[in-house]
Amino acid sequence: MQIFRFDREEKAISSYGSTGLHATRIAASTGDTHLTCLAIAPGGMIGTHPATVAQLFLVVSGEAWVAGPDAQRVPVPAGWGARWEAGELHTSGSAAGCTALAVEGASLALFEPQPPS
């Protein structure tokens, strides 16, 4: 067993015009699957960019918003997530701040996708 901390906010990210974003890489496979903890400060955002592979954005605390190419923001509370296909343009952020897990990999299929109510 290994016990580890994943909320260290190791690296400030500013690519794609991102603001208030810190990331800590948690794990990676020998393939293209990666798990990263994202801390988005109040008013922060991850700038618009294409997903390089399928991506999951899982909000674990606070509330985020996500948007596709139409720039329409959709709220995503803790316990909910968003999924993007490879190549899909997207943006995300948080008015009050949040912590999210990003899972990236070529084949990430959801078991029961449901829109937030």
Protein backbone atom coordinates (compact mmCIF):
# COMPACT_ATOMS: atom_id res chain seq x y z
CA MET A 1 0.00 0.00 0.00
CA GLN A 2 1.08 3.57 -0.71
CA ILE A 3 -0.44 6.64 0.89
CA PHE A 4 0.05 9.85 -1.05
CA ARG A 5 -1.18 13.41 -1.29
CA PHE A 6 -2.63 14.64 -4.57
CA ASP A 7 -3.71 18.21 -3.74
CA ARG A 8 -0.26 19.78 -3.82
CA GLU A 9 -1.01 22.19 -6.71
CA GLU A 10 2.48 21.47 -8.07
CA LYS A 11 2.35 23.27 -11.38
CA ALA A 12 0.70 26.55 -12.40
CA ILE A 13 -0.85 26.16 -15.85
CA SER A 14 -1.28 29.17 -18.16
CA SER A 15 -1.50 27.52 -21.59
CA TYR A 16 -4.51 28.39 -23.78
CA GLY A 17 -5.08 31.51 -21.67
CA SER A 18 -5.80 29.50 -18.52
CA THR A 19 -5.92 31.48 -15.26
CA GLY A 20 -5.99 30.41 -11.61
CA LEU A 21 -5.19 26.80 -12.53
CA HIS A 22 -2.81 24.46 -10.72
CA ALA A 23 -2.28 20.78 -11.51
CA THR A 24 -0.75 17.77 -9.80
CA ARG A 25 -0.14 14.66 -11.91
CA ILE A 26 -1.27 11.65 -9.88
CA ALA A 27 -0.72 8.65 -12.14
CA ALA A 28 0.00 7.60 -15.71
CA SER A 29 -0.14 4.29 -17.52
CA THR A 30 2.45 3.01 -19.96
CA GLY A 31 -0.08 3.99 -22.65
CA ASP A 32 -1.82 7.31 -22.92
CA THR A 33 -3.96 7.29 -19.76
CA HIS A 34 -3.24 10.01 -17.19
CA LEU A 35 -4.86 11.12 -13.93
CA THR A 36 -4.38 14.71 -12.78
CA CYS A 37 -5.77 16.71 -9.86
CA LEU A 38 -6.84 20.21 -10.95
CA ALA A 39 -7.32 23.12 -8.55
CA ILE A 40 -9.22 26.01 -10.12
CA ALA A 41 -9.17 29.22 -8.08
CA PRO A 42 -12.31 31.37 -7.73
CA GLY A 43 -12.85 33.02 -11.11
CA GLY A 44 -10.23 30.76 -12.71
CA MET A 45 -10.56 28.88 -15.95
CA ILE A 46 -8.94 26.38 -18.28
CA GLY A 47 -8.77 28.11 -21.65
CA THR A 48 -10.44 26.74 -24.77
CA HIS A 49 -8.48 23.85 -26.29
CA PRO A 50 -9.08 20.59 -28.15
CA ALA A 51 -9.01 17.36 -26.16
CA THR A 52 -5.94 15.41 -27.27
CA VAL A 53 -7.64 12.11 -26.30
CA ALA A 54 -10.95 11.32 -24.58
CA GLN A 55 -11.13 13.24 -21.30
CA LEU A 56 -13.18 13.08 -18.12
CA PHE A 57 -13.49 16.15 -15.88
CA LEU A 58 -14.76 15.01 -12.46
CA VAL A 59 -15.63 17.69 -9.90
CA VAL A 60 -14.81 16.47 -6.40
CA SER A 61 -15.39 19.71 -4.44
CA GLY A 62 -16.90 23.09 -5.16
CA GLU A 63 -18.72 23.75 -8.43
CA ALA A 64 -17.36 24.15 -11.93
CA TRP A 65 -18.77 25.05 -15.30
CA VAL A 66 -17.92 23.55 -18.67
CA ALA A 67 -18.51 24.78 -22.22
CA GLY A 68 -18.12 23.37 -25.70
CA PRO A 69 -17.49 25.23 -28.97
CA ASP A 70 -20.73 27.22 -28.52
CA ALA A 71 -19.30 28.77 -25.29
CA GLN A 72 -22.54 28.03 -23.39
CA ARG A 73 -21.57 27.39 -19.77
CA VAL A 74 -23.13 24.37 -18.10
CA PRO A 75 -22.84 24.10 -14.29
CA VAL A 76 -21.17 20.96 -12.93
CA PRO A 77 -21.52 20.47 -9.15
CA ALA A 78 -19.39 18.20 -6.96
CA GLY A 79 -20.09 14.56 -7.71
CA TRP A 80 -20.76 15.27 -11.40
CA GLY A 81 -18.47 15.36 -14.42
CA ALA A 82 -18.12 16.04 -18.11
CA ARG A 83 -16.65 13.93 -20.93
CA TRP A 84 -15.07 15.14 -24.15
CA GLU A 85 -14.05 13.16 -27.21
CA ALA A 86 -10.59 13.53 -28.77
CA GLY A 87 -10.49 16.73 -30.80
CA GLU A 88 -13.52 18.31 -29.09
CA LEU A 89 -13.02 21.98 -28.21
CA HIS A 90 -13.88 22.77 -24.61
CA THR A 91 -13.39 25.24 -21.77
CA SER A 92 -13.97 24.89 -18.04
CA GLY A 93 -13.75 27.06 -14.97
CA SER A 94 -15.24 27.94 -11.62
CA ALA A 95 -16.83 31.06 -10.16
CA ALA A 96 -16.21 30.04 -6.52
CA GLY A 97 -13.28 27.61 -6.98
CA CYS A 98 -13.20 23.84 -7.26
CA THR A 99 -11.09 20.73 -7.25
CA ALA A 100 -11.51 18.28 -10.13
CA LEU A 101 -9.87 15.12 -11.36
CA ALA A 102 -8.96 14.94 -15.03
CA VAL A 103 -8.71 11.49 -16.56
CA GLU A 104 -7.30 11.33 -20.08
CA GLY A 105 -7.07 8.24 -22.26
CA ALA A 106 -7.89 6.86 -25.69
CA SER A 107 -10.80 4.68 -24.59
CA LEU A 108 -12.79 6.14 -21.72
CA ALA A 109 -16.36 4.91 -21.96
CA LEU A 110 -18.94 5.96 -19.38
CA PHE A 111 -21.20 3.38 -17.77
CA GLU A 112 -24.31 5.56 -17.24
CA PRO A 113 -23.97 9.12 -18.55
CA GLN A 114 -26.67 11.42 -17.14
CA PRO A 115 -27.07 15.18 -17.51
CA PRO A 116 -27.16 17.25 -14.30
CA SER A 117 -30.68 18.07 -13.11
